Amino acid sequence: MTERKTQPPKDAALKEVQKAVDTAEDQGFVGVEVDPTPNEHYTVAGVVAGKPTPETDPEAAEAARRAAPGQ
């Protein structure tokens, strides 16, 4: 992780925005993670080893559907 070089926000609205940006930077994406499949399953090594993904395995697809928001 890189060190943040921004100045602290001076008002409440900017503090809320900064908090949201910091959260997104820390997790590496904006929003809600909906696919519980480990990232390694999507690598060449994972595909060659037959690791399940929602696109290739019905059980993994069902797990991804259950993890999706609103499910």
C-alpha atoms as a PDB file:
ATOM      1  CA  MET A   1       0.000   0.000   0.000  1.00  0.00           C
ATOM      2  CA  THR A   2       1.238   3.496  -0.743  1.00  0.00           C
ATOM      3  CA  GLU A   3       1.410   6.314   1.745  1.00  0.00           C
ATOM      4  CA  ARG A   4      -1.309   8.945   1.438  1.00  0.00           C
ATOM      5  CA  LYS A   5       0.041  12.418   0.736  1.00  0.00           C
ATOM      6  CA  THR A   6      -3.146  14.460   0.992  1.00  0.00           C
ATOM      7  CA  GLN A   7      -3.889  17.074   3.609  1.00  0.00           C
ATOM      8  CA  PRO A   8      -6.657  16.229   6.097  1.00  0.00           C
ATOM      9  CA  PRO A   9     -10.073  17.619   5.037  1.00  0.00           C
ATOM     10  CA  LYS A  10     -11.219  20.789   6.769  1.00  0.00           C
ATOM     11  CA  ASP A  11     -14.992  20.276   6.870  1.00  0.00           C
ATOM     12  CA  ALA A  12     -17.445  17.436   7.517  1.00  0.00           C
ATOM     13  CA  ALA A  13     -18.422  16.888   3.869  1.00  0.00           C
ATOM     14  CA  LEU A  14     -14.826  16.619   2.746  1.00  0.00           C
ATOM     15  CA  LYS A  15     -14.096  14.252   5.626  1.00  0.00           C
ATOM     16  CA  GLU A  16     -16.904  11.935   4.459  1.00  0.00           C
ATOM     17  CA  VAL A  17     -15.646  12.012   0.878  1.00  0.00           C
ATOM     18  CA  GLN A  18     -12.093  11.318   2.021  1.00  0.00           C
ATOM     19  CA  LYS A  19     -13.293   8.406   4.153  1.00  0.00           C
ATOM     20  CA  ALA A  20     -15.089   6.853   1.144  1.00  0.00           C
ATOM     21  CA  VAL A  21     -12.032   7.302  -1.079  1.00  0.00           C
ATOM     22  CA  ASP A  22      -9.746   5.822   1.569  1.00  0.00           C
ATOM     23  CA  THR A  23     -12.029   2.786   1.911  1.00  0.00           C
ATOM     24  CA  ALA A  24     -12.062   2.229  -1.858  1.00  0.00           C
ATOM     25  CA  GLU A  25      -8.278   2.567  -2.048  1.00  0.00           C
ATOM     26  CA  ASP A  26      -7.779   0.130   0.826  1.00  0.00           C
ATOM     27  CA  GLN A  27     -10.020  -2.577  -0.661  1.00  0.00           C
ATOM     28  CA  GLY A  28      -8.851  -1.969  -4.236  1.00  0.00           C
ATOM     29  CA  PHE A  29     -12.247  -1.275  -5.798  1.00  0.00           C
ATOM     30  CA  VAL A  30     -15.404   0.787  -5.403  1.00  0.00           C
ATOM     31  CA  GLY A  31     -18.611  -0.942  -4.398  1.00  0.00           C
ATOM     32  CA  VAL A  32     -19.454  -4.345  -2.995  1.00  0.00           C
ATOM     33  CA  GLU A  33     -17.522  -7.496  -3.804  1.00  0.00           C
ATOM     34  CA  VAL A  34     -20.094  -9.956  -5.121  1.00  0.00           C
ATOM     35  CA  ASP A  35     -17.950 -12.857  -6.300  1.00  0.00           C
ATOM     36  CA  PRO A  36     -16.561 -14.948  -3.426  1.00  0.00           C
ATOM     37  CA  THR A  37     -14.322 -16.885  -5.838  1.00  0.00           C
ATOM     38  CA  PRO A  38     -10.639 -16.535  -4.911  1.00  0.00           C
ATOM     39  CA  ASN A  39      -8.710 -14.450  -7.438  1.00  0.00           C
ATOM     40  CA  GLU A  40      -6.255 -17.311  -7.913  1.00  0.00           C
ATOM     41  CA  HIS A  41      -8.995 -19.316  -9.654  1.00  0.00           C
ATOM     42  CA  TYR A  42      -8.959 -16.761 -12.493  1.00  0.00           C
ATOM     43  CA  THR A  43      -5.202 -17.009 -13.108  1.00  0.00           C
ATOM     44  CA  VAL A  44      -3.650 -19.189 -15.808  1.00  0.00           C
ATOM     45  CA  ALA A  45      -2.462 -21.602 -13.117  1.00  0.00           C
ATOM     46  CA  GLY A  46      -5.958 -21.755 -11.621  1.00  0.00           C
ATOM     47  CA  VAL A  47      -7.625 -22.361 -14.960  1.00  0.00           C
ATOM     48  CA  VAL A  48      -5.103 -25.036 -15.951  1.00  0.00           C
ATOM     49  CA  ALA A  49      -5.612 -26.723 -12.557  1.00  0.00           C
ATOM     50  CA  GLY A  50      -9.383 -26.722 -13.111  1.00  0.00           C
ATOM     51  CA  LYS A  51     -10.190 -24.396 -10.202  1.00  0.00           C
ATOM     52  CA  PRO A  52     -13.938 -23.623 -10.177  1.00  0.00           C
ATOM     53  CA  THR A  53     -15.282 -20.234 -11.219  1.00  0.00           C
ATOM     54  CA  PRO A  54     -18.908 -19.100 -11.554  1.00  0.00           C
ATOM     55  CA  GLU A  55     -18.473 -19.236 -15.329  1.00  0.00           C
ATOM     56  CA  THR A  56     -17.351 -22.883 -15.325  1.00  0.00           C
ATOM     57  CA  ASP A  57     -18.913 -24.513 -12.261  1.00  0.00           C
ATOM     58  CA  PRO A  58     -22.606 -24.592 -11.265  1.00  0.00           C
ATOM     59  CA  GLU A  59     -21.818 -24.707  -7.524  1.00  0.00           C
ATOM     60  CA  ALA A  60     -19.479 -21.698  -7.793  1.00  0.00           C
ATOM     61  CA  ALA A  61     -22.147 -19.877  -9.812  1.00  0.00           C
ATOM     62  CA  GLU A  62     -24.723 -20.518  -7.097  1.00  0.00           C
ATOM     63  CA  ALA A  63     -22.307 -19.290  -4.404  1.00  0.00           C
ATOM     64  CA  ALA A  64     -21.738 -16.091  -6.399  1.00  0.00           C
ATOM     65  CA  ARG A  65     -25.499 -15.576  -6.810  1.00  0.00           C
ATOM     66  CA  ARG A  66     -26.019 -16.028  -3.039  1.00  0.00           C
ATOM     67  CA  ALA A  67     -23.243 -13.515  -2.293  1.00  0.00           C
ATOM     68  CA  ALA A  68     -24.698 -10.862  -4.609  1.00  0.00           C
ATOM     69  CA  PRO A  69     -26.384  -7.889  -2.924  1.00  0.00           C
ATOM     70  CA  GLY A  70     -30.142  -8.253  -2.620  1.00  0.00           C
ATOM     71  CA  GLN A  71     -30.060 -12.039  -2.709  1.00  0.00           C
END
